[in-house]
C-alpha atoms as a PDB file:
ATOM      1  CA  MET A   1      14.442  87.861 -48.725  1.00  0.00           C
ATOM      2  CA  ALA A   2      18.221  87.618 -49.080  1.00  0.00           C
ATOM      3  CA  ASP A   3      20.158  86.447 -46.093  1.00  0.00           C
ATOM      4  CA  SER A   4      22.169  89.457 -44.864  1.00  0.00           C
ATOM      5  CA  ARG A   5      23.677  87.562 -41.946  1.00  0.00           C
ATOM      6  CA  PRO A   6      27.466  88.003 -41.780  1.00  0.00           C
ATOM      7  CA  GLY A   7      29.464  85.001 -42.997  1.00  0.00           C
ATOM      8  CA  ARG A   8      33.088  83.996 -42.512  1.00  0.00           C
ATOM      9  CA  ARG A   9      35.936  83.490 -44.939  1.00  0.00           C
ATOM     10  CA  LEU A  10      39.664  82.957 -44.678  1.00  0.00           C
ATOM     11  CA  ASP A  11      41.526  86.208 -44.036  1.00  0.00           C
ATOM     12  CA  LYS A  12      44.103  86.199 -46.802  1.00  0.00           C
ATOM     13  CA  SER A  13      45.866  89.296 -45.494  1.00  0.00           C
ATOM     14  CA  SER A  14      46.761  87.608 -42.191  1.00  0.00           C
ATOM     15  CA  PHE A  15      48.283  84.568 -43.854  1.00  0.00           C
ATOM     16  CA  ALA A  16      49.925  86.518 -46.682  1.00  0.00           C
ATOM     17  CA  GLY A  17      51.385  89.052 -44.256  1.00  0.00           C
ATOM     18  CA  LEU A  18      52.922  86.366 -42.061  1.00  0.00           C
ATOM     19  CA  VAL A  19      54.365  84.520 -45.061  1.00  0.00           C
ATOM     20  CA  ILE A  20      55.843  87.721 -46.509  1.00  0.00           C
ATOM     21  CA  ALA A  21      57.372  88.710 -43.171  1.00  0.00           C
ATOM     22  CA  LEU A  22      58.913  85.281 -42.583  1.00  0.00           C
ATOM     23  CA  ALA A  23      60.145  85.066 -46.170  1.00  0.00           C
ATOM     24  CA  GLY A  24      61.811  88.458 -45.889  1.00  0.00           C
ATOM     25  CA  ILE A  25      63.522  87.711 -42.579  1.00  0.00           C
ATOM     26  CA  VAL A  26      64.605  84.153 -43.333  1.00  0.00           C
ATOM     27  CA  GLY A  27      65.491  85.030 -46.919  1.00  0.00           C
ATOM     28  CA  GLY A  28      67.730  87.889 -45.813  1.00  0.00           C
ATOM     29  CA  PHE A  29      69.410  85.626 -43.260  1.00  0.00           C
ATOM     30  CA  LEU A  30      70.109  82.941 -45.859  1.00  0.00           C
ATOM     31  CA  ILE A  31      71.371  85.453 -48.421  1.00  0.00           C
ATOM     32  CA  GLU A  32      73.961  86.642 -45.913  1.00  0.00           C
ATOM     33  CA  GLY A  33      75.279  83.096 -45.555  1.00  0.00           C
ATOM     34  CA  GLY A  34      73.225  81.875 -42.620  1.00  0.00           C
ATOM     35  CA  LYS A  35      71.888  78.342 -42.423  1.00  0.00           C
ATOM     36  CA  ALA A  36      68.285  77.468 -41.662  1.00  0.00           C
ATOM     37  CA  GLU A  37      69.262  75.030 -38.913  1.00  0.00           C
ATOM     38  CA  GLN A  38      70.990  77.872 -37.062  1.00  0.00           C
ATOM     39  CA  MET A  39      67.580  79.416 -36.406  1.00  0.00           C
ATOM     40  CA  VAL A  40      66.205  76.243 -34.817  1.00  0.00           C
ATOM     41  CA  GLY A  41      66.593  75.701 -31.089  1.00  0.00           C
ATOM     42  CA  LEU A  42      64.352  73.435 -29.037  1.00  0.00           C
ATOM     43  CA  SER A  43      65.588  74.724 -25.693  1.00  0.00           C
ATOM     44  CA  ALA A  44      65.192  78.337 -26.840  1.00  0.00           C
ATOM     45  CA  ALA A  45      61.620  77.646 -27.949  1.00  0.00           C
ATOM     46  CA  LEU A  46      60.846  75.969 -24.631  1.00  0.00           C
ATOM     47  CA  ILE A  47      62.210  78.907 -22.628  1.00  0.00           C
ATOM     48  CA  VAL A  48      60.493  81.614 -24.676  1.00  0.00           C
ATOM     49  CA  PHE A  49      57.103  80.068 -25.354  1.00  0.00           C
ATOM     50  CA  GLY A  50      56.846  78.274 -22.025  1.00  0.00           C
ATOM     51  CA  GLY A  51      57.941  81.351 -20.096  1.00  0.00           C
ATOM     52  CA  CYS A  52      55.639  83.611 -22.093  1.00  0.00           C
ATOM     53  CA  ALA A  53      52.649  81.302 -21.560  1.00  0.00           C
ATOM     54  CA  GLY A  54      53.306  81.248 -17.828  1.00  0.00           C
ATOM     55  CA  ALA A  55      53.637  85.025 -17.624  1.00  0.00           C
ATOM     56  CA  VAL A  56      50.377  85.503 -19.520  1.00  0.00           C
ATOM     57  CA  MET A  57      48.621  83.124 -17.105  1.00  0.00           C
ATOM     58  CA  VAL A  58      49.916  85.118 -14.146  1.00  0.00           C
ATOM     59  CA  ALA A  59      48.786  88.398 -15.706  1.00  0.00           C
ATOM     60  CA  ASN A  60      45.321  87.364 -16.921  1.00  0.00           C
ATOM     61  CA  PRO A  61      42.397  85.285 -15.595  1.00  0.00           C
ATOM     62  CA  LEU A  62      42.073  81.881 -17.242  1.00  0.00           C
ATOM     63  CA  PRO A  63      38.531  82.524 -18.588  1.00  0.00           C
ATOM     64  CA  LEU A  64      39.828  85.655 -20.335  1.00  0.00           C
ATOM     65  CA  ILE A  65      42.761  83.725 -21.820  1.00  0.00           C
ATOM     66  CA  ALA A  66      40.375  81.048 -23.097  1.00  0.00           C
ATOM     67  CA  SER A  67      38.080  83.611 -24.730  1.00  0.00           C
ATOM     68  CA  ALA A  68      41.113  85.406 -26.213  1.00  0.00           C
ATOM     69  CA  LEU A  69      42.243  82.162 -27.850  1.00  0.00           C
ATOM     70  CA  ARG A  70      38.774  81.722 -29.322  1.00  0.00           C
ATOM     71  CA  ARG A  71      38.984  85.289 -30.583  1.00  0.00           C
ATOM     72  CA  LEU A  72      41.883  84.169 -32.809  1.00  0.00           C
ATOM     73  CA  ASN A  73      39.138  83.309 -35.298  1.00  0.00           C
ATOM     74  CA  ASP A  74      38.909  87.061 -35.912  1.00  0.00           C
ATOM     75  CA  VAL A  75      42.564  87.031 -36.949  1.00  0.00           C
ATOM     76  CA  LEU A  76      42.373  83.958 -39.166  1.00  0.00           C
ATOM     77  CA  PHE A  77      38.943  84.666 -40.651  1.00  0.00           C
ATOM     78  CA  GLU A  78      37.113  87.815 -41.701  1.00  0.00           C
ATOM     79  CA  THR A  79      33.408  88.577 -41.646  1.00  0.00           C
ATOM     80  CA  THR A  80      31.692  88.860 -44.998  1.00  0.00           C
ATOM     81  CA  SER A  81      28.554  90.961 -44.913  1.00  0.00           C
ATOM     82  CA  ASP A  82      26.681  92.395 -47.869  1.00  0.00           C
ATOM     83  CA  THR A  83      25.916  95.933 -46.781  1.00  0.00           C
ATOM     84  CA  ALA A  84      23.742  96.569 -49.838  1.00  0.00           C
ATOM     85  CA  GLU A  85      21.511  93.623 -48.905  1.00  0.00           C
ATOM     86  CA  MET A  86      21.310  94.794 -45.298  1.00  0.00           C
ATOM     87  CA  ILE A  87      20.280  98.281 -46.417  1.00  0.00           C
ATOM     88  CA  ASP A  88      17.634  96.839 -48.744  1.00  0.00           C
ATOM     89  CA  GLN A  89      16.324  94.658 -45.929  1.00  0.00           C
ATOM     90  CA  VAL A  90      16.002  97.554 -43.464  1.00  0.00           C
ATOM     91  CA  VAL A  91      14.366  99.779 -46.097  1.00  0.00           C
ATOM     92  CA  ASN A  92      11.852  97.024 -46.868  1.00  0.00           C
ATOM     93  CA  TYR A  93      11.037  96.882 -43.158  1.00  0.00           C
ATOM     94  CA  ALA A  94      10.523 100.654 -43.202  1.00  0.00           C
ATOM     95  CA  VAL A  95       8.077 100.362 -46.107  1.00  0.00           C
ATOM     96  CA  MET A  96       6.119  97.624 -44.304  1.00  0.00           C
ATOM     97  CA  ALA A  97       6.008  99.614 -41.065  1.00  0.00           C
ATOM     98  CA  ARG A  98       4.723 102.733 -42.834  1.00  0.00           C
ATOM     99  CA  LYS A  99       1.936 100.770 -44.494  1.00  0.00           C
ATOM    100  CA  ASN A 100       0.869  98.442 -41.705  1.00  0.00           C
ATOM    101  CA  GLY A 101       2.492  99.728 -38.494  1.00  0.00           C
ATOM    102  CA  LEU A 102       5.407  98.444 -36.444  1.00  0.00           C
ATOM    103  CA  VAL A 103       3.465  95.398 -35.250  1.00  0.00           C
ATOM    104  CA  SER A 104       3.511  94.054 -38.818  1.00  0.00           C
ATOM    105  CA  LEU A 105       7.275  93.538 -38.458  1.00  0.00           C
ATOM    106  CA  GLU A 106       6.968  90.950 -35.693  1.00  0.00           C
ATOM    107  CA  ASN A 107       7.301  87.923 -37.977  1.00  0.00           C
ATOM    108  CA  GLU A 108      10.108  89.590 -39.920  1.00  0.00           C
ATOM    109  CA  ALA A 109      11.919  90.381 -36.690  1.00  0.00           C
ATOM    110  CA  MET A 110      11.645  86.814 -35.439  1.00  0.00           C
ATOM    111  CA  SER A 111      13.051  85.441 -38.702  1.00  0.00           C
ATOM    112  CA  ALA A 112      15.892  87.976 -39.073  1.00  0.00           C
ATOM    113  CA  LYS A 113      19.200  86.112 -39.346  1.00  0.00           C
ATOM    114  CA  ASP A 114      21.357  88.898 -37.946  1.00  0.00           C
ATOM    115  CA  PRO A 115      21.183  88.779 -34.101  1.00  0.00           C
ATOM    116  CA  TYR A 116      21.655  92.529 -33.654  1.00  0.00           C
ATOM    117  CA  LEU A 117      18.978  93.373 -36.209  1.00  0.00           C
ATOM    118  CA  ARG A 118      16.602  90.813 -34.699  1.00  0.00           C
ATOM    119  CA  LYS A 119      16.983  92.135 -31.160  1.00  0.00           C
ATOM    120  CA  SER A 120      16.611  95.802 -32.119  1.00  0.00           C
ATOM    121  CA  LEU A 121      13.543  95.082 -34.260  1.00  0.00           C
ATOM    122  CA  LEU A 122      11.912  93.068 -31.482  1.00  0.00           C
ATOM    123  CA  LEU A 123      12.419  95.979 -29.089  1.00  0.00           C
ATOM    124  CA  ALA A 124      10.731  98.273 -31.603  1.00  0.00           C
ATOM    125  CA  VAL A 125       7.828  95.868 -32.145  1.00  0.00           C
ATOM    126  CA  ASP A 126       7.381  95.481 -28.379  1.00  0.00           C
ATOM    127  CA  GLY A 127       6.804  99.213 -28.072  1.00  0.00           C
ATOM    128  CA  ALA A 128      10.135 100.386 -26.654  1.00  0.00           C
ATOM    129  CA  ASP A 129      10.710 104.087 -27.270  1.00  0.00           C
ATOM    130  CA  LEU A 130      13.679 105.467 -29.181  1.00  0.00           C
ATOM    131  CA  ASP A 131      15.740 106.252 -26.095  1.00  0.00           C
ATOM    132  CA  GLU A 132      15.259 102.744 -24.724  1.00  0.00           C
ATOM    133  CA  ILE A 133      16.181 101.113 -28.028  1.00  0.00           C
ATOM    134  CA  ARG A 134      19.280 103.262 -28.423  1.00  0.00           C
ATOM    135  CA  SER A 135      20.330 102.754 -24.813  1.00  0.00           C
ATOM    136  CA  MET A 136      19.922  98.976 -24.799  1.00  0.00           C
ATOM    137  CA  MET A 137      21.475  98.318 -28.201  1.00  0.00           C
ATOM    138  CA  GLN A 138      24.373 100.718 -27.630  1.00  0.00           C
ATOM    139  CA  LEU A 139      25.007  98.997 -24.309  1.00  0.00           C
ATOM    140  CA  GLU A 140      25.186  95.664 -26.130  1.00  0.00           C
ATOM    141  CA  SER A 141      27.660  97.142 -28.622  1.00  0.00           C
ATOM    142  CA  ASP A 142      29.718  98.695 -25.818  1.00  0.00           C
ATOM    143  CA  VAL A 143      29.944  95.389 -23.951  1.00  0.00           C
ATOM    144  CA  ALA A 144      30.958  93.464 -27.074  1.00  0.00           C
ATOM    145  CA  GLU A 145      33.605  96.037 -27.989  1.00  0.00           C
ATOM    146  CA  SER A 146      34.949  96.144 -24.428  1.00  0.00           C
ATOM    147  CA  ARG A 147      35.204  92.348 -24.367  1.00  0.00           C
ATOM    148  CA  ALA A 148      37.178  92.396 -27.614  1.00  0.00           C
ATOM    149  CA  GLU A 149      39.494  95.070 -26.180  1.00  0.00           C
ATOM    150  CA  GLN A 150      40.182  92.931 -23.108  1.00  0.00           C
ATOM    151  CA  GLU A 151      40.889  89.885 -25.256  1.00  0.00           C
ATOM    152  CA  ALA A 152      43.230  91.904 -27.457  1.00  0.00           C
ATOM    153  CA  LYS A 153      45.126  92.991 -24.340  1.00  0.00           C
ATOM    154  CA  VAL A 154      45.937  89.336 -23.620  1.00  0.00           C
ATOM    155  CA  PHE A 155      47.919  89.219 -26.860  1.00  0.00           C
ATOM    156  CA  GLU A 156      49.416  92.635 -26.162  1.00  0.00           C
ATOM    157  CA  SER A 157      50.649  91.395 -22.787  1.00  0.00           C
ATOM    158  CA  ALA A 158      52.129  88.294 -24.440  1.00  0.00           C
ATOM    159  CA  GLY A 159      53.798  90.552 -26.998  1.00  0.00           C
ATOM    160  CA  GLY A 160      55.356  92.531 -24.166  1.00  0.00           C
ATOM    161  CA  PHE A 161      56.598  89.485 -22.261  1.00  0.00           C
ATOM    162  CA  ALA A 162      58.032  87.521 -25.201  1.00  0.00           C
ATOM    163  CA  PRO A 163      61.034  89.764 -26.070  1.00  0.00           C
ATOM    164  CA  THR A 164      62.070  90.038 -22.418  1.00  0.00           C
ATOM    165  CA  ILE A 165      61.873  86.288 -21.913  1.00  0.00           C
ATOM    166  CA  GLY A 166      63.866  85.917 -25.125  1.00  0.00           C
ATOM    167  CA  ILE A 167      66.612  88.007 -23.527  1.00  0.00           C
ATOM    168  CA  ILE A 168      66.440  85.798 -20.429  1.00  0.00           C
ATOM    169  CA  GLY A 169      66.928  82.785 -22.697  1.00  0.00           C
ATOM    170  CA  ALA A 170      69.926  84.425 -24.348  1.00  0.00           C
ATOM    171  CA  VAL A 171      71.499  85.246 -20.976  1.00  0.00           C
ATOM    172  CA  LEU A 172      70.973  81.676 -19.778  1.00  0.00           C
ATOM    173  CA  GLY A 173      72.680  80.461 -22.929  1.00  0.00           C
ATOM    174  CA  LEU A 174      75.617  82.796 -22.343  1.00  0.00           C
ATOM    175  CA  ILE A 175      75.964  81.540 -18.766  1.00  0.00           C
ATOM    176  CA  ILE A 176      76.336  78.015 -20.121  1.00  0.00           C
ATOM    177  CA  VAL A 177      78.803  79.221 -22.760  1.00  0.00           C
ATOM    178  CA  MET A 178      80.961  80.974 -20.181  1.00  0.00           C
ATOM    179  CA  GLY A 179      81.355  77.623 -18.445  1.00  0.00           C
ATOM    180  CA  GLN A 180      83.040  76.343 -21.611  1.00  0.00           C
ATOM    181  CA  ILE A 181      85.355  79.310 -22.129  1.00  0.00           C
ATOM    182  CA  ASP A 182      88.387  77.059 -22.550  1.00  0.00           C
ATOM    183  CA  ASP A 183      87.033  75.683 -25.829  1.00  0.00           C
ATOM    184  CA  MET A 184      86.684  78.645 -28.192  1.00  0.00           C
ATOM    185  CA  ASN A 185      84.951  76.569 -30.875  1.00  0.00           C
ATOM    186  CA  LYS A 186      82.181  75.721 -28.447  1.00  0.00           C
ATOM    187  CA  VAL A 187      82.033  79.335 -27.270  1.00  0.00           C
ATOM    188  CA  GLY A 188      81.346  80.665 -30.767  1.00  0.00           C
ATOM    189  CA  HIS A 189      78.687  78.074 -31.457  1.00  0.00           C
ATOM    190  CA  GLY A 190      77.121  78.574 -28.026  1.00  0.00           C
ATOM    191  CA  ILE A 191      76.860  82.353 -28.377  1.00  0.00           C
ATOM    192  CA  ALA A 192      75.122  81.967 -31.742  1.00  0.00           C
ATOM    193  CA  ALA A 193      72.689  79.444 -30.275  1.00  0.00           C
ATOM    194  CA  ALA A 194      72.018  81.663 -27.260  1.00  0.00           C
ATOM    195  CA  PHE A 195      70.675  84.475 -29.428  1.00  0.00           C
ATOM    196  CA  VAL A 196      68.110  82.178 -31.045  1.00  0.00           C
ATOM    197  CA  ALA A 197      65.949  82.735 -27.949  1.00  0.00           C
ATOM    198  CA  THR A 198      66.038  86.486 -28.576  1.00  0.00           C
ATOM    199  CA  ILE A 199      64.934  85.929 -32.167  1.00  0.00           C
ATOM    200  CA  TYR A 200      62.036  83.767 -31.019  1.00  0.00           C
ATOM    201  CA  GLY A 201      60.939  86.318 -28.436  1.00  0.00           C
ATOM    202  CA  VAL A 202      61.158  89.420 -30.617  1.00  0.00           C
ATOM    203  CA  GLY A 203      59.874  87.590 -33.691  1.00  0.00           C
ATOM    204  CA  SER A 204      56.803  86.069 -32.041  1.00  0.00           C
ATOM    205  CA  ALA A 205      55.915  89.415 -30.460  1.00  0.00           C
ATOM    206  CA  ASN A 206      56.200  91.513 -33.605  1.00  0.00           C
ATOM    207  CA  LEU A 207      55.064  89.014 -36.227  1.00  0.00           C
ATOM    208  CA  VAL A 208      52.231  87.243 -34.398  1.00  0.00           C
ATOM    209  CA  LEU A 209      51.163  88.504 -30.973  1.00  0.00           C
ATOM    210  CA  LEU A 210      51.018  92.284 -31.408  1.00  0.00           C
ATOM    211  CA  PRO A 211      49.594  92.113 -34.959  1.00  0.00           C
ATOM    212  CA  ALA A 212      46.921  89.703 -33.677  1.00  0.00           C
ATOM    213  CA  ALA A 213      45.928  92.224 -30.997  1.00  0.00           C
ATOM    214  CA  HIS A 214      45.650  94.993 -33.584  1.00  0.00           C
ATOM    215  CA  LYS A 215      43.545  92.811 -35.901  1.00  0.00           C
ATOM    216  CA  ILE A 216      41.150  91.884 -33.080  1.00  0.00           C
ATOM    217  CA  LYS A 217      40.627  95.579 -32.277  1.00  0.00           C
ATOM    218  CA  ALA A 218      40.094  96.393 -35.952  1.00  0.00           C
ATOM    219  CA  ARG A 219      37.514  93.635 -36.291  1.00  0.00           C
ATOM    220  CA  ALA A 220      35.681  94.904 -33.193  1.00  0.00           C
ATOM    221  CA  ALA A 221      35.604  98.458 -34.571  1.00  0.00           C
ATOM    222  CA  HIS A 222      34.323  97.155 -37.909  1.00  0.00           C
ATOM    223  CA  GLU A 223      31.511  95.234 -36.196  1.00  0.00           C
ATOM    224  CA  ARG A 224      30.638  98.294 -34.088  1.00  0.00           C
ATOM    225  CA  GLU A 225      30.203 100.377 -37.252  1.00  0.00           C
ATOM    226  CA  ARG A 226      27.974  97.709 -38.778  1.00  0.00           C
ATOM    227  CA  GLN A 227      25.799  97.638 -35.670  1.00  0.00           C
ATOM    228  CA  GLU A 228      25.543 101.436 -35.600  1.00  0.00           C
ATOM    229  CA  MET A 229      24.280 101.325 -39.182  1.00  0.00           C
ATOM    230  CA  ILE A 230      21.615  98.763 -38.246  1.00  0.00           C
ATOM    231  CA  LEU A 231      20.572 100.763 -35.176  1.00  0.00           C
ATOM    232  CA  ALA A 232      20.248 103.955 -37.220  1.00  0.00           C
ATOM    233  CA  GLY A 233      17.953 102.123 -39.620  1.00  0.00           C
ATOM    234  CA  VAL A 234      15.745 100.644 -36.903  1.00  0.00           C
ATOM    235  CA  CYS A 235      15.486 104.003 -35.122  1.00  0.00           C
ATOM    236  CA  GLY A 236      14.491 105.572 -38.431  1.00  0.00           C
ATOM    237  CA  ILE A 237      11.717 102.988 -38.763  1.00  0.00           C
ATOM    238  CA  VAL A 238      10.451 103.764 -35.246  1.00  0.00           C
ATOM    239  CA  GLU A 239      10.525 107.509 -36.000  1.00  0.00           C
ATOM    240  CA  GLY A 240       8.451 106.870 -39.120  1.00  0.00           C
ATOM    241  CA  LEU A 241      11.026 108.380 -41.456  1.00  0.00           C
ATOM    242  CA  ASN A 242      10.546 108.120 -45.187  1.00  0.00           C
ATOM    243  CA  PRO A 243      12.182 104.883 -46.430  1.00  0.00           C
ATOM    244  CA  LYS A 244      14.159 106.902 -48.986  1.00  0.00           C
ATOM    245  CA  LEU A 245      15.627 109.025 -46.193  1.00  0.00           C
ATOM    246  CA  ILE A 246      16.500 105.879 -44.232  1.00  0.00           C
ATOM    247  CA  ARG A 247      18.290 104.493 -47.291  1.00  0.00           C
ATOM    248  CA  THR A 248      20.256 107.728 -47.646  1.00  0.00           C
ATOM    249  CA  LYS A 249      21.329 107.576 -43.992  1.00  0.00           C
ATOM    250  CA  LEU A 250      22.413 103.945 -44.223  1.00  0.00           C
ATOM    251  CA  GLU A 251      24.297 104.499 -47.462  1.00  0.00           C
ATOM    252  CA  ALA A 252      26.214 107.272 -45.696  1.00  0.00           C
ATOM    253  CA  PHE A 253      27.405 104.629 -43.204  1.00  0.00           C
ATOM    254  CA  ALA A 254      28.412 102.351 -46.083  1.00  0.00           C
ATOM    255  CA  LYS A 255      30.554 105.094 -47.635  1.00  0.00           C
ATOM    256  CA  ALA A 256      32.426 105.877 -44.407  1.00  0.00           C
ATOM    257  CA  PRO A 257      36.114 104.818 -44.158  1.00  0.00           C
ATOM    258  CA  GLY A 258      36.386 101.304 -42.749  1.00  0.00           C
ATOM    259  CA  ALA A 259      32.680 100.677 -43.272  1.00  0.00           C
ATOM    260  CA  PRO A 260      31.327  97.138 -43.647  1.00  0.00           C
ATOM    261  CA  GLU A 261      31.962  95.566 -47.019  1.00  0.00           C
ATOM    262  CA  ARG A 262      29.501  96.442 -49.739  1.00  0.00           C
ATOM    263  CA  LYS A 263      29.299  94.038 -52.645  1.00  0.00           C
ATOM    264  CA  ALA A 264      28.790  95.374 -56.100  1.00  0.00           C
ATOM    265  CA  ALA A 265      25.168  95.454 -57.160  1.00  0.00           C
ATOM    266  CA  LYS A 266      24.159  92.703 -59.522  1.00  0.00           C
ATOM    267  CA  GLY A 267      23.286  94.006 -62.930  1.00  0.00           C
END
């Protein structure tokens, strides 16, 4: 039987989006006569990124921050799952159960590669009723989605802190500049350098941190839909529904907006 376990591949949209955004901003700056070195400031980077990291640590527990950093995989990589194969697999289970009973699925359940499918099938084989299966598996989905939401909020909080700390960096730079008011050449250069911190703060928030939070939430919603499809199939098996009806129900999930990816059928 085909392996319908979700895989991982590089998320081209994340990398392409960041490159396009940076190219547009930096390109526009250079076209207007700016110089690349004017956008580089070690002290500004230290103030913004160091200050932002500290603020995030104050606002969030360390274990949550650590899990949020691991969740960055959902931004850099996307899950590849063949919905057509998953539907075929569940329908095959339905055919087996109709012929030989739910107990005949025990070996299939144990060897299922997808953790959610394996757990829901094992509950069915063990004799859990429909309400118990739905309750337990929906609870698992709720917990996973809630965890992703909390991890996304870490990046949202960082995206809120970064612009403000960028302004703090700019003000600190202006304080230093005002101490050199007698030398107008230094004043002009200092003011320009001071605003680099603002660029770092606003840029990191709107190009990296907030988009990362949105992508994490989108990935969690996508996974929730995939799990709901699996649960509907397993519940259909327990109810003894006709395999053709189960296929129709699962294909309705596959056609929904934002549904798990469905590869083209091989001809």
